[in-house]
Each structure stands twice: as C-alpha cells, then as structure tokens.
Amino acid sequence: MSTLTKPNHMGRKISRIRELKDMKQEALAQAMGTNQQTVSILENSEEIDDEKLKEVAKALGISVEAIKNFSDEGVINYFNSFNNFNDNSSLNSQCTFNPLDKLMESVDENKKLYERLLKSEQDKIEYLEKLLKAK
C-alpha cells in the first residue's frame, strides 16, 4: 500500500506567501521587473529554478529557504504560539479599574492644582498691596 504525499508545489507556496503579505500579483510583478502574466505562470509552476526563486524571494523580502520550507500548518502554528485560544483566561480578561473613577480622580487633582494656583495669585496680590502701602 502506497501513501500519496502532497507535491512540493513551489508556485503555490509563492502564491500563499504573496497573499499573506497582502500583495497582488501586479505588485510582485513590478517588484520583480516583469508583468502579472509571468507571475501567474510562475505561481502555477510546480518547480521553479533557483535563479528565479532568488528573484521572487528578493521581491517578497524573504529568504529562498523560507519559500522552500513554507507550509500552511507552520503559519497556523506560528500564530497560535502568540495566543493560545484554548486558554480561556485571556478571553475573559476584564478591566481592573473603573474608568469613571479614574476620570473623577483627575478632576479632583485638577481642582486642587487650580486652588493652589489661585492661592499663589492671591498671595502675590497681597504682597504687591503691602509694597504699595509702604511707599
């Protein structure tokens, strides 16, 4: 009994990487100095020579090895490593303070600062009045 494995389709890998980078065929073609039809043909090719692969990798801003080793499963595992969706604690996180309380604290602080400024101005006025009376 033989088991069939998925072919190592380089064109599909390039297509998926381009899509993940949110790049259209036209943009990749422009970066490579070619046209969209050439990119389309390239993405439909199962095998791509190393020179062309280097050119595509440079246009995509990745290494040739990244293209050769690309897999959808690897991408999914990579993103799942950032957020484990089986961990419900991250989904149920709640705010630990009341935003209205914080707002009222800042209002109170501003009021105190204003009162200090007003007191300072009143002290200045009293001092200036004393100076005027002394003359």
N, C-alpha and C. Protein backbone atom coordinates (compact mmCIF):
# COMPACT_ATOMS: atom_id res chain seq x y z
N MET A 1 0.85 -1.18 0.00
CA MET A 1 0.00 0.00 0.00
C MET A 1 0.90 1.24 0.00
N SER A 2 0.68 2.12 -0.95
CA SER A 2 1.50 3.34 -1.01
C SER A 2 0.71 4.52 -0.49
N THR A 3 1.43 5.43 0.08
CA THR A 3 0.77 6.65 0.56
C THR A 3 1.17 7.78 -0.36
N LEU A 4 0.20 8.57 -0.72
CA LEU A 4 0.47 9.70 -1.59
C LEU A 4 0.78 10.91 -0.73
N THR A 5 1.82 11.63 -1.07
CA THR A 5 2.15 12.85 -0.35
C THR A 5 1.85 14.04 -1.24
N LYS A 6 1.63 15.16 -0.61
CA LYS A 6 1.38 16.38 -1.38
C LYS A 6 2.66 16.76 -2.10
N PRO A 7 2.54 17.14 -3.37
CA PRO A 7 3.74 17.56 -4.07
C PRO A 7 4.27 18.88 -3.50
N ASN A 8 5.57 19.08 -3.64
CA ASN A 8 6.20 20.29 -3.14
C ASN A 8 6.03 21.37 -4.22
N HIS A 9 4.84 21.93 -4.31
CA HIS A 9 4.46 22.87 -5.37
C HIS A 9 4.97 24.27 -5.02
N MET A 10 6.09 24.66 -5.62
CA MET A 10 6.73 25.93 -5.30
C MET A 10 5.84 27.12 -5.68
N GLY A 11 5.14 27.02 -6.79
CA GLY A 11 4.27 28.12 -7.22
C GLY A 11 3.17 28.42 -6.23
N ARG A 12 2.57 27.36 -5.68
CA ARG A 12 1.52 27.56 -4.67
C ARG A 12 2.09 28.21 -3.41
N LYS A 13 3.30 27.80 -3.05
CA LYS A 13 3.95 28.39 -1.87
C LYS A 13 4.16 29.89 -2.09
N ILE A 14 4.64 30.25 -3.25
CA ILE A 14 4.85 31.67 -3.57
C ILE A 14 3.53 32.42 -3.53
N SER A 15 2.50 31.82 -4.09
CA SER A 15 1.17 32.43 -4.09
C SER A 15 0.67 32.67 -2.68
N ARG A 16 0.80 31.67 -1.80
CA ARG A 16 0.33 31.81 -0.41
C ARG A 16 1.12 32.87 0.34
N ILE A 17 2.43 32.88 0.16
CA ILE A 17 3.26 33.88 0.83
C ILE A 17 2.87 35.28 0.36
N ARG A 18 2.68 35.42 -0.94
CA ARG A 18 2.27 36.72 -1.51
C ARG A 18 0.93 37.15 -0.93
N GLU A 19 -0.01 36.23 -0.82
CA GLU A 19 -1.33 36.55 -0.26
C GLU A 19 -1.22 36.92 1.22
N LEU A 20 -0.38 36.21 1.97
CA LEU A 20 -0.19 36.52 3.39
C LEU A 20 0.43 37.90 3.58
N LYS A 21 1.22 38.32 2.61
CA LYS A 21 1.82 39.66 2.66
C LYS A 21 0.87 40.71 2.09
N ASP A 22 -0.35 40.29 1.75
CA ASP A 22 -1.37 41.18 1.21
C ASP A 22 -0.85 41.91 -0.03
N MET A 23 -0.25 41.11 -0.92
CA MET A 23 0.35 41.65 -2.13
C MET A 23 -0.37 41.06 -3.34
N LYS A 24 -0.66 41.88 -4.29
CA LYS A 24 -1.29 41.41 -5.53
C LYS A 24 -0.21 40.94 -6.50
N GLN A 25 -0.63 40.14 -7.48
CA GLN A 25 0.32 39.66 -8.48
C GLN A 25 0.99 40.83 -9.20
N GLU A 26 0.23 41.89 -9.43
CA GLU A 26 0.79 43.06 -10.13
C GLU A 26 1.93 43.68 -9.33
N ALA A 27 1.76 43.76 -8.00
CA ALA A 27 2.79 44.34 -7.14
C ALA A 27 4.04 43.48 -7.14
N LEU A 28 3.86 42.16 -7.07
CA LEU A 28 5.00 41.26 -7.12
C LEU A 28 5.69 41.36 -8.47
N ALA A 29 4.91 41.43 -9.53
CA ALA A 29 5.48 41.56 -10.87
C ALA A 29 6.31 42.83 -10.99
N GLN A 30 5.80 43.92 -10.46
CA GLN A 30 6.51 45.20 -10.51
C GLN A 30 7.82 45.11 -9.72
N ALA A 31 7.78 44.47 -8.56
CA ALA A 31 8.98 44.32 -7.74
C ALA A 31 10.02 43.44 -8.42
N MET A 32 9.54 42.52 -9.25
CA MET A 32 10.45 41.63 -9.97
C MET A 32 10.87 42.20 -11.31
N GLY A 33 10.21 43.27 -11.75
CA GLY A 33 10.54 43.86 -13.05
C GLY A 33 9.97 43.06 -14.20
N THR A 34 8.79 42.49 -13.98
CA THR A 34 8.14 41.70 -15.03
C THR A 34 6.66 42.06 -15.06
N ASN A 35 5.85 41.22 -15.69
CA ASN A 35 4.42 41.53 -15.75
C ASN A 35 3.59 40.50 -14.98
N GLN A 36 2.32 40.81 -14.80
CA GLN A 36 1.42 39.98 -14.00
C GLN A 36 1.25 38.59 -14.59
N GLN A 37 1.23 38.48 -15.91
CA GLN A 37 1.05 37.17 -16.55
C GLN A 37 2.22 36.24 -16.21
N THR A 38 3.42 36.80 -16.14
CA THR A 38 4.59 35.99 -15.80
C THR A 38 4.48 35.48 -14.37
N VAL A 39 4.00 36.32 -13.46
CA VAL A 39 3.83 35.90 -12.07
C VAL A 39 2.77 34.82 -11.99
N SER A 40 1.70 34.96 -12.75
CA SER A 40 0.64 33.96 -12.77
C SER A 40 1.18 32.61 -13.25
N ILE A 41 1.96 32.64 -14.30
CA ILE A 41 2.56 31.40 -14.82
C ILE A 41 3.50 30.81 -13.78
N LEU A 42 4.27 31.66 -13.12
CA LEU A 42 5.20 31.22 -12.09
C LEU A 42 4.46 30.54 -10.94
N GLU A 43 3.34 31.14 -10.51
CA GLU A 43 2.58 30.58 -9.39
C GLU A 43 1.88 29.28 -9.75
N ASN A 44 1.72 29.01 -11.03
CA ASN A 44 1.11 27.75 -11.46
C ASN A 44 2.16 26.67 -11.73
N SER A 45 3.44 27.02 -11.60
CA SER A 45 4.52 26.07 -11.85
C SER A 45 4.83 25.27 -10.59
N GLU A 46 4.96 23.96 -10.77
CA GLU A 46 5.27 23.10 -9.63
C GLU A 46 6.74 23.25 -9.23
N GLU A 47 7.61 23.37 -10.23
CA GLU A 47 9.04 23.53 -9.97
C GLU A 47 9.51 24.85 -10.54
N ILE A 48 10.42 25.50 -9.81
CA ILE A 48 10.97 26.79 -10.24
C ILE A 48 12.47 26.72 -10.05
N ASP A 49 13.22 27.18 -11.06
CA ASP A 49 14.68 27.11 -10.95
C ASP A 49 15.18 28.08 -9.87
N ASP A 50 16.37 27.78 -9.37
CA ASP A 50 16.91 28.52 -8.23
C ASP A 50 17.11 30.00 -8.51
N GLU A 51 17.52 30.36 -9.71
CA GLU A 51 17.72 31.78 -10.05
C GLU A 51 16.40 32.55 -9.95
N LYS A 52 15.34 31.99 -10.51
CA LYS A 52 14.03 32.63 -10.46
C LYS A 52 13.52 32.69 -9.02
N LEU A 53 13.79 31.63 -8.25
CA LEU A 53 13.37 31.58 -6.86
C LEU A 53 14.06 32.67 -6.04
N LYS A 54 15.34 32.93 -6.32
CA LYS A 54 16.07 34.01 -5.64
C LYS A 54 15.44 35.35 -5.97
N GLU A 55 15.07 35.52 -7.21
CA GLU A 55 14.44 36.77 -7.66
C GLU A 55 13.10 37.00 -6.95
N VAL A 56 12.29 35.94 -6.85
CA VAL A 56 10.99 36.02 -6.18
C VAL A 56 11.19 36.30 -4.69
N ALA A 57 12.13 35.60 -4.08
CA ALA A 57 12.39 35.79 -2.65
C ALA A 57 12.81 37.23 -2.35
N LYS A 58 13.66 37.77 -3.20
CA LYS A 58 14.10 39.16 -3.01
C LYS A 58 12.91 40.11 -3.13
N ALA A 59 12.05 39.88 -4.12
CA ALA A 59 10.88 40.75 -4.32
C ALA A 59 9.90 40.64 -3.15
N LEU A 60 9.79 39.46 -2.55
CA LEU A 60 8.89 39.27 -1.41
C LEU A 60 9.54 39.69 -0.09
N GLY A 61 10.83 39.90 -0.10
CA GLY A 61 11.53 40.32 1.12
C GLY A 61 11.74 39.18 2.09
N ILE A 62 11.92 37.97 1.56
CA ILE A 62 12.15 36.80 2.41
C ILE A 62 13.29 36.00 1.82
N SER A 63 13.70 34.94 2.51
CA SER A 63 14.79 34.10 2.01
C SER A 63 14.23 32.98 1.12
N VAL A 64 15.12 32.43 0.32
CA VAL A 64 14.75 31.29 -0.54
C VAL A 64 14.32 30.11 0.33
N GLU A 65 15.01 29.93 1.47
CA GLU A 65 14.68 28.83 2.38
C GLU A 65 13.27 28.99 2.94
N ALA A 66 12.86 30.24 3.17
CA ALA A 66 11.50 30.47 3.68
C ALA A 66 10.47 30.01 2.67
N ILE A 67 10.74 30.22 1.40
CA ILE A 67 9.81 29.74 0.37
C ILE A 67 9.83 28.22 0.32
N LYS A 68 11.02 27.64 0.30
CA LYS A 68 11.13 26.18 0.19
C LYS A 68 10.50 25.46 1.38
N ASN A 69 10.62 26.05 2.58
CA ASN A 69 10.12 25.40 3.79
C ASN A 69 8.72 25.85 4.19
N PHE A 70 8.09 26.69 3.39
CA PHE A 70 6.78 27.23 3.74
C PHE A 70 5.73 26.13 3.80
N SER A 71 4.86 26.23 4.82
CA SER A 71 3.68 25.35 4.88
C SER A 71 2.58 26.10 5.61
N ASP A 72 1.34 25.86 5.21
CA ASP A 72 0.20 26.49 5.87
C ASP A 72 0.13 26.09 7.34
N GLU A 73 0.46 24.82 7.63
CA GLU A 73 0.42 24.36 9.01
C GLU A 73 1.42 25.13 9.87
N GLY A 74 2.60 25.39 9.29
CA GLY A 74 3.63 26.15 10.01
C GLY A 74 3.16 27.55 10.34
N VAL A 75 2.46 28.18 9.41
CA VAL A 75 1.95 29.53 9.65
C VAL A 75 0.91 29.51 10.76
N ILE A 76 0.02 28.54 10.71
CA ILE A 76 -1.02 28.43 11.74
C ILE A 76 -0.39 28.20 13.11
N ASN A 77 0.60 27.31 13.18
CA ASN A 77 1.28 27.05 14.45
C ASN A 77 2.01 28.29 14.94
N TYR A 78 2.59 29.04 14.03
CA TYR A 78 3.31 30.26 14.40
C TYR A 78 2.37 31.26 15.06
N PHE A 79 1.22 31.50 14.44
CA PHE A 79 0.28 32.47 15.00
C PHE A 79 -0.39 31.94 16.27
N ASN A 80 -0.62 30.65 16.35
CA ASN A 80 -1.20 30.08 17.57
C ASN A 80 -0.24 30.17 18.74
N SER A 81 1.06 30.25 18.46
CA SER A 81 2.02 30.35 19.55
C SER A 81 1.91 31.70 20.26
N PHE A 82 1.36 32.71 19.59
CA PHE A 82 1.19 34.01 20.22
C PHE A 82 -0.04 34.06 21.12
N ASN A 83 -1.07 33.33 20.77
CA ASN A 83 -2.30 33.37 21.56
C ASN A 83 -2.90 31.98 21.56
N ASN A 84 -2.81 31.34 22.66
CA ASN A 84 -3.37 30.00 22.78
C ASN A 84 -4.87 30.15 23.00
N PHE A 85 -5.65 29.81 21.98
CA PHE A 85 -7.08 30.01 22.05
C PHE A 85 -7.77 29.03 22.99
N ASN A 86 -7.06 28.01 23.47
CA ASN A 86 -7.63 27.10 24.45
C ASN A 86 -7.56 27.68 25.85
N ASP A 87 -6.81 28.77 26.00
CA ASP A 87 -6.66 29.43 27.29
C ASP A 87 -7.78 30.46 27.44
N ASN A 88 -8.81 30.11 28.18
CA ASN A 88 -9.98 30.99 28.31
C ASN A 88 -9.70 32.21 29.17
N SER A 89 -8.64 32.18 29.96
CA SER A 89 -8.36 33.33 30.82
C SER A 89 -8.05 34.56 30.00
N SER A 90 -7.42 34.39 28.84
CA SER A 90 -7.10 35.55 28.02
C SER A 90 -8.35 36.11 27.35
N LEU A 91 -9.34 35.27 27.15
CA LEU A 91 -10.57 35.73 26.51
C LEU A 91 -11.51 36.42 27.50
N ASN A 92 -11.36 36.10 28.79
CA ASN A 92 -12.26 36.64 29.79
C ASN A 92 -11.61 37.73 30.63
N SER A 93 -10.56 38.35 30.12
CA SER A 93 -9.90 39.38 30.92
C SER A 93 -10.83 40.59 31.04
N GLN A 94 -10.82 41.18 32.22
CA GLN A 94 -11.68 42.32 32.49
C GLN A 94 -10.85 43.49 32.97
N CYS A 95 -11.39 44.65 32.84
CA CYS A 95 -10.75 45.86 33.31
C CYS A 95 -10.68 45.82 34.83
N THR A 96 -9.51 46.15 35.41
CA THR A 96 -9.35 46.06 36.85
C THR A 96 -9.65 47.37 37.56
N PHE A 97 -10.05 48.40 36.83
CA PHE A 97 -10.41 49.67 37.45
C PHE A 97 -11.62 50.25 36.72
N ASN A 98 -12.29 51.15 37.40
CA ASN A 98 -13.45 51.81 36.81
C ASN A 98 -12.96 53.09 36.12
N PRO A 99 -13.14 53.21 34.82
CA PRO A 99 -12.67 54.39 34.10
C PRO A 99 -13.27 55.69 34.64
N LEU A 100 -14.51 55.64 35.12
CA LEU A 100 -15.13 56.84 35.68
C LEU A 100 -14.44 57.28 36.97
N ASP A 101 -14.01 56.30 37.77
CA ASP A 101 -13.26 56.63 38.99
C ASP A 101 -11.96 57.33 38.64
N LYS A 102 -11.26 56.83 37.61
CA LYS A 102 -10.02 57.46 37.18
C LYS A 102 -10.27 58.88 36.68
N LEU A 103 -11.36 59.08 35.97
CA LEU A 103 -11.71 60.41 35.47
C LEU A 103 -11.97 61.36 36.64
N MET A 104 -12.72 60.90 37.62
CA MET A 104 -13.02 61.75 38.78
C MET A 104 -11.75 62.06 39.58
N GLU A 105 -10.83 61.12 39.66
CA GLU A 105 -9.55 61.38 40.33
C GLU A 105 -8.80 62.50 39.63
N SER A 106 -8.78 62.47 38.30
CA SER A 106 -8.08 63.52 37.56
C SER A 106 -8.79 64.87 37.70
N VAL A 107 -10.12 64.87 37.78
CA VAL A 107 -10.86 66.11 38.00
C VAL A 107 -10.51 66.69 39.37
N ASP A 108 -10.46 65.84 40.39
CA ASP A 108 -10.10 66.29 41.75
C ASP A 108 -8.68 66.83 41.78
N GLU A 109 -7.78 66.16 41.10
CA GLU A 109 -6.39 66.62 41.06
C GLU A 109 -6.29 67.99 40.38
N ASN A 110 -7.00 68.15 39.27
CA ASN A 110 -7.01 69.44 38.58
C ASN A 110 -7.60 70.54 39.45
N LYS A 111 -8.63 70.20 40.20
CA LYS A 111 -9.25 71.18 41.10
C LYS A 111 -8.26 71.62 42.17
N LYS A 112 -7.53 70.69 42.75
CA LYS A 112 -6.53 71.02 43.76
C LYS A 112 -5.42 71.90 43.18
N LEU A 113 -4.98 71.58 41.98
CA LEU A 113 -3.95 72.40 41.34
C LEU A 113 -4.45 73.81 41.07
N TYR A 114 -5.69 73.92 40.62
CA TYR A 114 -6.28 75.23 40.37
C TYR A 114 -6.37 76.04 41.66
N GLU A 115 -6.77 75.40 42.74
CA GLU A 115 -6.87 76.09 44.04
C GLU A 115 -5.50 76.56 44.51
N ARG A 116 -4.45 75.74 44.30
CA ARG A 116 -3.10 76.17 44.67
C ARG A 116 -2.65 77.36 43.84
N LEU A 117 -2.96 77.34 42.54
CA LEU A 117 -2.61 78.46 41.67
C LEU A 117 -3.34 79.73 42.10
N LEU A 118 -4.61 79.61 42.42
CA LEU A 118 -5.41 80.75 42.88
C LEU A 118 -4.84 81.31 44.18
N LYS A 119 -4.48 80.44 45.11
CA LYS A 119 -3.90 80.88 46.38
C LYS A 119 -2.58 81.62 46.14
N SER A 120 -1.77 81.10 45.22
CA SER A 120 -0.50 81.74 44.88
C SER A 120 -0.72 83.14 44.32
N GLU A 121 -1.70 83.29 43.45
CA GLU A 121 -2.02 84.60 42.87
C GLU A 121 -2.53 85.57 43.94
N GLN A 122 -3.33 85.07 44.86
CA GLN A 122 -3.82 85.91 45.95
C GLN A 122 -2.67 86.38 46.85
N ASP A 123 -1.72 85.49 47.11
CA ASP A 123 -0.56 85.86 47.91
C ASP A 123 0.26 86.94 47.20
N LYS A 124 0.39 86.83 45.89
CA LYS A 124 1.11 87.85 45.12
C LYS A 124 0.43 89.21 45.23
N ILE A 125 -0.89 89.19 45.10
CA ILE A 125 -1.65 90.44 45.17
C ILE A 125 -1.47 91.08 46.55
N GLU A 126 -1.56 90.29 47.60
CA GLU A 126 -1.37 90.82 48.96
C GLU A 126 0.02 91.42 49.12
N TYR A 127 1.03 90.76 48.61
CA TYR A 127 2.39 91.24 48.71
C TYR A 127 2.56 92.57 47.98
N LEU A 128 2.01 92.64 46.77
CA LEU A 128 2.10 93.88 45.98
C LEU A 128 1.35 95.03 46.68
N GLU A 129 0.20 94.72 47.29
CA GLU A 129 -0.54 95.77 48.02
C GLU A 129 0.27 96.28 49.22
N LYS A 130 0.97 95.38 49.91
CA LYS A 130 1.81 95.80 51.03
C LYS A 130 2.93 96.73 50.54
N LEU A 131 3.52 96.40 49.40
CA LEU A 131 4.58 97.23 48.85
C LEU A 131 4.07 98.63 48.49
N LEU A 132 2.87 98.67 47.92
CA LEU A 132 2.29 99.96 47.53
C LEU A 132 1.98 100.81 48.77
N LYS A 133 1.46 100.19 49.82
CA LYS A 133 1.13 100.93 51.04
C LYS A 133 2.39 101.45 51.73
N ALA A 134 3.47 100.68 51.64
CA ALA A 134 4.71 101.09 52.30
C ALA A 134 5.31 102.33 51.64
N LYS A 135 5.00 102.63 50.40
CA LYS A 135 5.54 103.79 49.72
C LYS A 135 4.67 104.93 50.00
